[in-house]
PDB file of N, CA and C in Angstrom:
ATOM      1  N   UNK A   1       7.978  -5.316   7.256  1.00  0.00           N
ATOM      2  CA  UNK A   1       9.324  -4.730   6.660  1.00  0.00           C
ATOM      3  C   UNK A   1       9.315  -2.900   6.432  1.00  0.00           C
ATOM      4  N   UNK A   2       9.610  -2.622   6.829  1.00  0.00           N
ATOM      5  CA  UNK A   2       9.716  -0.976   6.277  1.00  0.00           C
ATOM      6  C   UNK A   2       8.976  -0.639   6.061  1.00  0.00           C
ATOM      7  N   UNK A   3       9.126   0.094   4.927  1.00  0.00           N
ATOM      8  CA  UNK A   3       9.419   0.567   2.958  1.00  0.00           C
ATOM      9  C   UNK A   3       9.197   2.055   3.340  1.00  0.00           C
ATOM     10  N   UNK A   4       8.776   2.620   4.392  1.00  0.00           N
ATOM     11  CA  UNK A   4       9.177   4.419   3.715  1.00  0.00           C
ATOM     12  C   UNK A   4       9.951   4.795   4.778  1.00  0.00           C
ATOM     13  N   UNK A   5      10.888   4.904   5.105  1.00  0.00           N
ATOM     14  CA  UNK A   5      12.057   5.315   6.190  1.00  0.00           C
ATOM     15  C   UNK A   5      11.395   7.016   6.888  1.00  0.00           C
ATOM     16  N   UNK A   6      10.822   7.581   6.015  1.00  0.00           N
ATOM     17  CA  UNK A   6      10.648   9.033   6.428  1.00  0.00           C
ATOM     18  C   UNK A   6       9.324   8.975   7.005  1.00  0.00           C
ATOM     19  N   UNK A   7       9.156   7.992   6.702  1.00  0.00           N
ATOM     20  CA  UNK A   7       6.938   7.606   7.959  1.00  0.00           C
ATOM     21  C   UNK A   7       6.785   6.734   8.615  1.00  0.00           C
ATOM     22  N   UNK A   8       8.182   6.078   8.601  1.00  0.00           N
ATOM     23  CA  UNK A   8       8.471   4.506   9.489  1.00  0.00           C
ATOM     24  C   UNK A   8       7.011   3.560   8.743  1.00  0.00           C
ATOM     25  N   UNK A   9       6.702   3.509   7.919  1.00  0.00           N
ATOM     26  CA  UNK A   9       5.377   2.707   7.388  1.00  0.00           C
ATOM     27  C   UNK A   9       6.000   1.557   7.366  1.00  0.00           C
ATOM     28  N   UNK A  10       5.172   0.617   7.018  1.00  0.00           N
ATOM     29  CA  UNK A  10       5.825  -0.822   6.614  1.00  0.00           C
ATOM     30  C   UNK A  10       5.086  -1.069   6.026  1.00  0.00           C
ATOM     31  N   UNK A  11       5.239  -2.448   5.174  1.00  0.00           N
ATOM     32  CA  UNK A  11       4.070  -2.899   3.864  1.00  0.00           C
ATOM     33  C   UNK A  11       3.669  -3.245   4.770  1.00  0.00           C
ATOM     34  N   UNK A  12       3.003  -4.427   6.587  1.00  0.00           N
ATOM     35  CA  UNK A  12       1.895  -4.258   6.581  1.00  0.00           C
ATOM     36  C   UNK A  12       0.832  -3.523   6.827  1.00  0.00           C
ATOM     37  N   UNK A  13       1.242  -1.743   7.290  1.00  0.00           N
ATOM     38  CA  UNK A  13       0.585  -0.898   7.954  1.00  0.00           C
ATOM     39  C   UNK A  13      -0.130  -0.713   5.961  1.00  0.00           C
ATOM     40  N   UNK A  14       0.908  -0.766   4.702  1.00  0.00           N
ATOM     41  CA  UNK A  14       0.964  -0.528   3.268  1.00  0.00           C
ATOM     42  C   UNK A  14      -0.914  -2.183   3.155  1.00  0.00           C
ATOM     43  N   UNK A  15      -0.886  -3.101   3.797  1.00  0.00           N
ATOM     44  CA  UNK A  15      -2.114  -3.785   3.634  1.00  0.00           C
ATOM     45  C   UNK A  15      -3.278  -3.623   4.326  1.00  0.00           C
ATOM     46  N   UNK A  16      -2.969  -2.984   5.671  1.00  0.00           N
ATOM     47  CA  UNK A  16      -4.181  -2.486   6.742  1.00  0.00           C
ATOM     48  C   UNK A  16      -5.147  -1.463   5.238  1.00  0.00           C
ATOM     49  N   UNK A  17      -4.538  -0.982   4.821  1.00  0.00           N
ATOM     50  CA  UNK A  17      -4.564   0.633   4.451  1.00  0.00           C
ATOM     51  C   UNK A  17      -5.909   0.071   3.414  1.00  0.00           C
ATOM     52  N   UNK A  18      -4.824  -1.157   2.684  1.00  0.00           N
ATOM     53  CA  UNK A  18      -5.449  -1.180   1.318  1.00  0.00           C
ATOM     54  C   UNK A  18      -6.655  -2.279   1.326  1.00  0.00           C
ATOM     55  N   UNK A  19      -6.796  -2.756   3.016  1.00  0.00           N
ATOM     56  CA  UNK A  19      -8.007  -3.505   3.707  1.00  0.00           C
ATOM     57  C   UNK A  19      -9.182  -2.932   4.521  1.00  0.00           C
ATOM     58  N   UNK A  20      -8.314  -1.389   4.160  1.00  0.00           N
ATOM     59  CA  UNK A  20      -9.935   0.090   4.565  1.00  0.00           C
ATOM     60  C   UNK A  20      -9.959   0.708   3.605  1.00  0.00           C
ATOM     61  N   UNK A  21      -9.493   0.565   2.125  1.00  0.00           N
ATOM     62  CA  UNK A  21     -10.324   0.799   1.103  1.00  0.00           C
ATOM     63  C   UNK A  21      -9.158   1.223   0.525  1.00  0.00           C
ATOM     64  N   UNK A  22      -8.303   1.580   0.603  1.00  0.00           N
ATOM     65  CA  UNK A  22      -6.982   2.320  -0.262  1.00  0.00           C
ATOM     66  C   UNK A  22      -6.628   1.518  -1.655  1.00  0.00           C
ATOM     67  N   UNK A  23      -6.735   2.438  -2.635  1.00  0.00           N
ATOM     68  CA  UNK A  23      -6.763   1.350  -3.998  1.00  0.00           C
ATOM     69  C   UNK A  23      -5.870   1.775  -4.026  1.00  0.00           C
ATOM     70  N   UNK A  24      -4.726   2.964  -4.714  1.00  0.00           N
ATOM     71  CA  UNK A  24      -4.070   3.364  -5.441  1.00  0.00           C
ATOM     72  C   UNK A  24      -3.841   4.220  -5.314  1.00  0.00           C
ATOM     73  N   UNK A  25      -1.730   4.710  -5.491  1.00  0.00           N
ATOM     74  CA  UNK A  25      -0.174   6.206  -4.339  1.00  0.00           C
ATOM     75  C   UNK A  25      -1.287   6.721  -4.071  1.00  0.00           C
ATOM     76  N   UNK A  26      -1.787   7.577  -5.219  1.00  0.00           N
ATOM     77  CA  UNK A  26      -2.842   9.434  -4.396  1.00  0.00           C
ATOM     78  C   UNK A  26      -3.644   8.604  -2.328  1.00  0.00           C
ATOM     79  N   UNK A  27      -4.012   7.706  -2.697  1.00  0.00           N
ATOM     80  CA  UNK A  27      -5.092   8.087  -1.896  1.00  0.00           C
ATOM     81  C   UNK A  27      -4.182   7.209  -0.387  1.00  0.00           C
ATOM     82  N   UNK A  28      -2.949   6.205  -1.494  1.00  0.00           N
ATOM     83  CA  UNK A  28      -1.971   6.079   0.127  1.00  0.00           C
ATOM     84  C   UNK A  28      -0.827   6.698   0.187  1.00  0.00           C
ATOM     85  N   UNK A  29      -0.667   7.214  -0.086  1.00  0.00           N
ATOM     86  CA  UNK A  29       0.779   9.057  -0.222  1.00  0.00           C
ATOM     87  C   UNK A  29      -0.819   9.859   0.802  1.00  0.00           C
ATOM     88  N   UNK A  30      -1.964   9.480   0.633  1.00  0.00           N
ATOM     89  CA  UNK A  30      -2.503  10.520   1.933  1.00  0.00           C
ATOM     90  C   UNK A  30      -2.943  10.117   2.960  1.00  0.00           C
ATOM     91  N   UNK A  31      -3.184   9.175   2.915  1.00  0.00           N
ATOM     92  CA  UNK A  31      -3.689   8.010   3.955  1.00  0.00           C
ATOM     93  C   UNK A  31      -2.301   7.458   4.966  1.00  0.00           C
ATOM     94  N   UNK A  32      -1.663   7.265   4.156  1.00  0.00           N
ATOM     95  CA  UNK A  32       0.196   7.281   4.818  1.00  0.00           C
ATOM     96  C   UNK A  32       1.107   8.309   5.466  1.00  0.00           C
ATOM     97  N   UNK A  33       1.447   8.739   3.993  1.00  0.00           N
ATOM     98  CA  UNK A  33       2.428   9.975   4.413  1.00  0.00           C
ATOM     99  C   UNK A  33       3.135   9.632   3.274  1.00  0.00           C
ATOM    100  N   UNK A  34       2.927   7.912   2.620  1.00  0.00           N
ATOM    101  CA  UNK A  34       4.280   6.911   1.651  1.00  0.00           C
ATOM    102  C   UNK A  34       3.422   8.486   0.454  1.00  0.00           C
ATOM    103  N   UNK A  35       5.552   8.004   0.289  1.00  0.00           N
ATOM    104  CA  UNK A  35       6.326   8.867  -1.408  1.00  0.00           C
ATOM    105  C   UNK A  35       6.487  10.223  -1.095  1.00  0.00           C
ATOM    106  N   UNK A  36       6.191  10.786   0.044  1.00  0.00           N
ATOM    107  CA  UNK A  36       5.501  12.187  -0.558  1.00  0.00           C
ATOM    108  C   UNK A  36       6.884  12.966   0.829  1.00  0.00           C
ATOM    109  N   UNK A  37       8.300  12.479   1.205  1.00  0.00           N
ATOM    110  CA  UNK A  37       9.330  13.382   0.874  1.00  0.00           C
ATOM    111  C   UNK A  37      10.236  12.760   0.066  1.00  0.00           C
ATOM    112  N   UNK A  38      11.200  11.368   0.189  1.00  0.00           N
ATOM    113  CA  UNK A  38      12.206  11.718  -0.532  1.00  0.00           C
ATOM    114  C   UNK A  38      11.944  11.220  -2.213  1.00  0.00           C
ATOM    115  N   UNK A  39      11.565  10.220  -1.922  1.00  0.00           N
ATOM    116  CA  UNK A  39      10.708   9.763  -2.842  1.00  0.00           C
ATOM    117  C   UNK A  39      11.089   7.928  -3.221  1.00  0.00           C
ATOM    118  N   UNK A  40      11.644   7.381  -2.604  1.00  0.00           N
ATOM    119  CA  UNK A  40      12.628   6.402  -2.734  1.00  0.00           C
ATOM    120  C   UNK A  40      12.118   5.393  -2.749  1.00  0.00           C
ATOM    121  N   UNK A  41      10.258   5.465  -1.586  1.00  0.00           N
ATOM    122  CA  UNK A  41       9.768   4.090  -1.072  1.00  0.00           C
ATOM    123  C   UNK A  41       8.765   4.598  -2.100  1.00  0.00           C
ATOM    124  N   UNK A  42       8.643   5.058  -3.056  1.00  0.00           N
ATOM    125  CA  UNK A  42       7.325   4.881  -4.105  1.00  0.00           C
ATOM    126  C   UNK A  42       7.280   3.603  -5.397  1.00  0.00           C
ATOM    127  N   UNK A  43       8.269   2.806  -5.871  1.00  0.00           N
ATOM    128  CA  UNK A  43       8.223   1.672  -6.308  1.00  0.00           C
ATOM    129  C   UNK A  43       7.536   0.411  -5.444  1.00  0.00           C
ATOM    130  N   UNK A  44       8.881   0.030  -4.317  1.00  0.00           N
ATOM    131  CA  UNK A  44       8.156  -1.066  -2.924  1.00  0.00           C
ATOM    132  C   UNK A  44       6.619  -0.657  -2.903  1.00  0.00           C
ATOM    133  N   UNK A  45       6.119   0.579  -2.546  1.00  0.00           N
ATOM    134  CA  UNK A  45       4.995   0.317  -2.158  1.00  0.00           C
ATOM    135  C   UNK A  45       3.929   0.363  -3.346  1.00  0.00           C
ATOM    136  N   UNK A  46       3.929   0.487  -4.388  1.00  0.00           N
ATOM    137  CA  UNK A  46       3.060   0.750  -4.885  1.00  0.00           C
ATOM    138  C   UNK A  46       3.408  -0.669  -5.800  1.00  0.00           C
ATOM    139  N   UNK A  47       4.256  -1.675  -5.321  1.00  0.00           N
ATOM    140  CA  UNK A  47       4.284  -3.291  -5.625  1.00  0.00           C
ATOM    141  C   UNK A  47       3.024  -3.724  -4.695  1.00  0.00           C
ATOM    142  N   UNK A  48       3.915  -2.937  -3.588  1.00  0.00           N
ATOM    143  CA  UNK A  48       3.007  -3.882  -1.979  1.00  0.00           C
ATOM    144  C   UNK A  48       1.299  -3.725  -2.229  1.00  0.00           C
ATOM    145  N   UNK A  49       0.974  -2.525  -3.010  1.00  0.00           N
ATOM    146  CA  UNK A  49      -0.295  -2.411  -3.019  1.00  0.00           C
ATOM    147  C   UNK A  49      -1.095  -2.924  -3.669  1.00  0.00           C
ATOM    148  N   UNK A  50       0.043  -2.790  -4.974  1.00  0.00           N
ATOM    149  CA  UNK A  50      -1.114  -4.117  -6.283  1.00  0.00           C
ATOM    150  C   UNK A  50      -1.440  -5.015  -6.170  1.00  0.00           C
ATOM    151  N   UNK A  51       0.456  -5.613  -4.878  1.00  0.00           N
ATOM    152  CA  UNK A  51       0.006  -6.710  -4.911  1.00  0.00           C
ATOM    153  C   UNK A  51      -0.999  -7.712  -3.617  1.00  0.00           C
ATOM    154  N   UNK A  52      -1.190  -6.410  -2.771  1.00  0.00           N
ATOM    155  CA  UNK A  52      -2.449  -6.807  -1.344  1.00  0.00           C
ATOM    156  C   UNK A  52      -3.482  -6.205  -2.350  1.00  0.00           C
ATOM    157  N   UNK A  53      -3.396  -5.824  -3.261  1.00  0.00           N
ATOM    158  CA  UNK A  53      -5.020  -5.384  -4.760  1.00  0.00           C
ATOM    159  C   UNK A  53      -5.415  -7.532  -5.312  1.00  0.00           C
ATOM    160  N   UNK A  54      -4.117  -7.676  -6.086  1.00  0.00           N
ATOM    161  CA  UNK A  54      -4.539  -8.386  -6.750  1.00  0.00           C
ATOM    162  C   UNK A  54      -4.887  -9.837  -5.673  1.00  0.00           C
ATOM    163  N   UNK A  55      -4.777  -9.921  -5.138  1.00  0.00           N
ATOM    164  CA  UNK A  55      -4.572 -11.163  -4.064  1.00  0.00           C
ATOM    165  C   UNK A  55      -5.849 -10.849  -3.180  1.00  0.00           C
ATOM    166  N   UNK A  56      -6.111  -9.130  -3.495  1.00  0.00           N
ATOM    167  CA  UNK A  56      -8.507  -8.959  -1.985  1.00  0.00           C
ATOM    168  C   UNK A  56      -9.316  -9.096  -3.257  1.00  0.00           C
ATOM    169  N   UNK A  57      -8.562  -8.793  -4.248  1.00  0.00           N
ATOM    170  CA  UNK A  57      -9.355  -8.912  -6.047  1.00  0.00           C
ATOM    171  C   UNK A  57      -9.927 -10.712  -5.518  1.00  0.00           C
ATOM    172  N   UNK A  58      -7.864 -11.532  -6.149  1.00  0.00           N
ATOM    173  CA  UNK A  58      -8.288 -12.912  -6.127  1.00  0.00           C
ATOM    174  C   UNK A  58      -9.611 -12.970  -4.450  1.00  0.00           C
ATOM    175  N   UNK A  59      -9.617 -13.376  -3.742  1.00  0.00           N
ATOM    176  CA  UNK A  59     -10.121 -13.322  -2.595  1.00  0.00           C
ATOM    177  C   UNK A  59     -11.621 -13.426  -3.445  1.00  0.00           C
ATOM    178  N   UNK A  60     -11.959 -12.141  -3.140  1.00  0.00           N
ATOM    179  CA  UNK A  60     -12.827 -11.861  -3.848  1.00  0.00           C
ATOM    180  C   UNK A  60     -14.011 -13.102  -4.549  1.00  0.00           C
ATOM    181  N   UNK A  61     -13.020 -13.326  -6.007  1.00  0.00           N
ATOM    182  CA  UNK A  61     -14.258 -14.030  -6.684  1.00  0.00           C
ATOM    183  C   UNK A  61     -13.901 -15.580  -6.411  1.00  0.00           C
ATOM    184  N   UNK A  62     -13.436 -15.539  -5.219  1.00  0.00           N
ATOM    185  CA  UNK A  62     -13.516 -17.166  -4.816  1.00  0.00           C
ATOM    186  C   UNK A  62     -14.209 -17.304  -3.822  1.00  0.00           C
ATOM    187  N   UNK A  63     -13.935 -16.365  -3.550  1.00  0.00           N
ATOM    188  CA  UNK A  63     -15.974 -16.344  -2.536  1.00  0.00           C
ATOM    189  C   UNK A  63     -17.310 -15.729  -3.021  1.00  0.00           C
ATOM    190  N   UNK A  64     -17.390 -15.509  -4.264  1.00  0.00           N
ATOM    191  CA  UNK A  64     -18.180 -15.508  -5.187  1.00  0.00           C
ATOM    192  C   UNK A  64     -18.679 -17.037  -5.995  1.00  0.00           C
TER     193      UNK A  64
END
């Protein structure tokens, strides 16, 4: 699903960025340009970011 229409960024791209080490909105903004134009996507982008971070932390904990 598209999250940022200004830059054509999808939730999949945000999840990939998190897998590549992005861990905050400023990092996500620098990496993909999310929420750097009109800002309407910021809330949903943060939700996807947080959800993905939570999921990756749970995966790391269960693997330990």
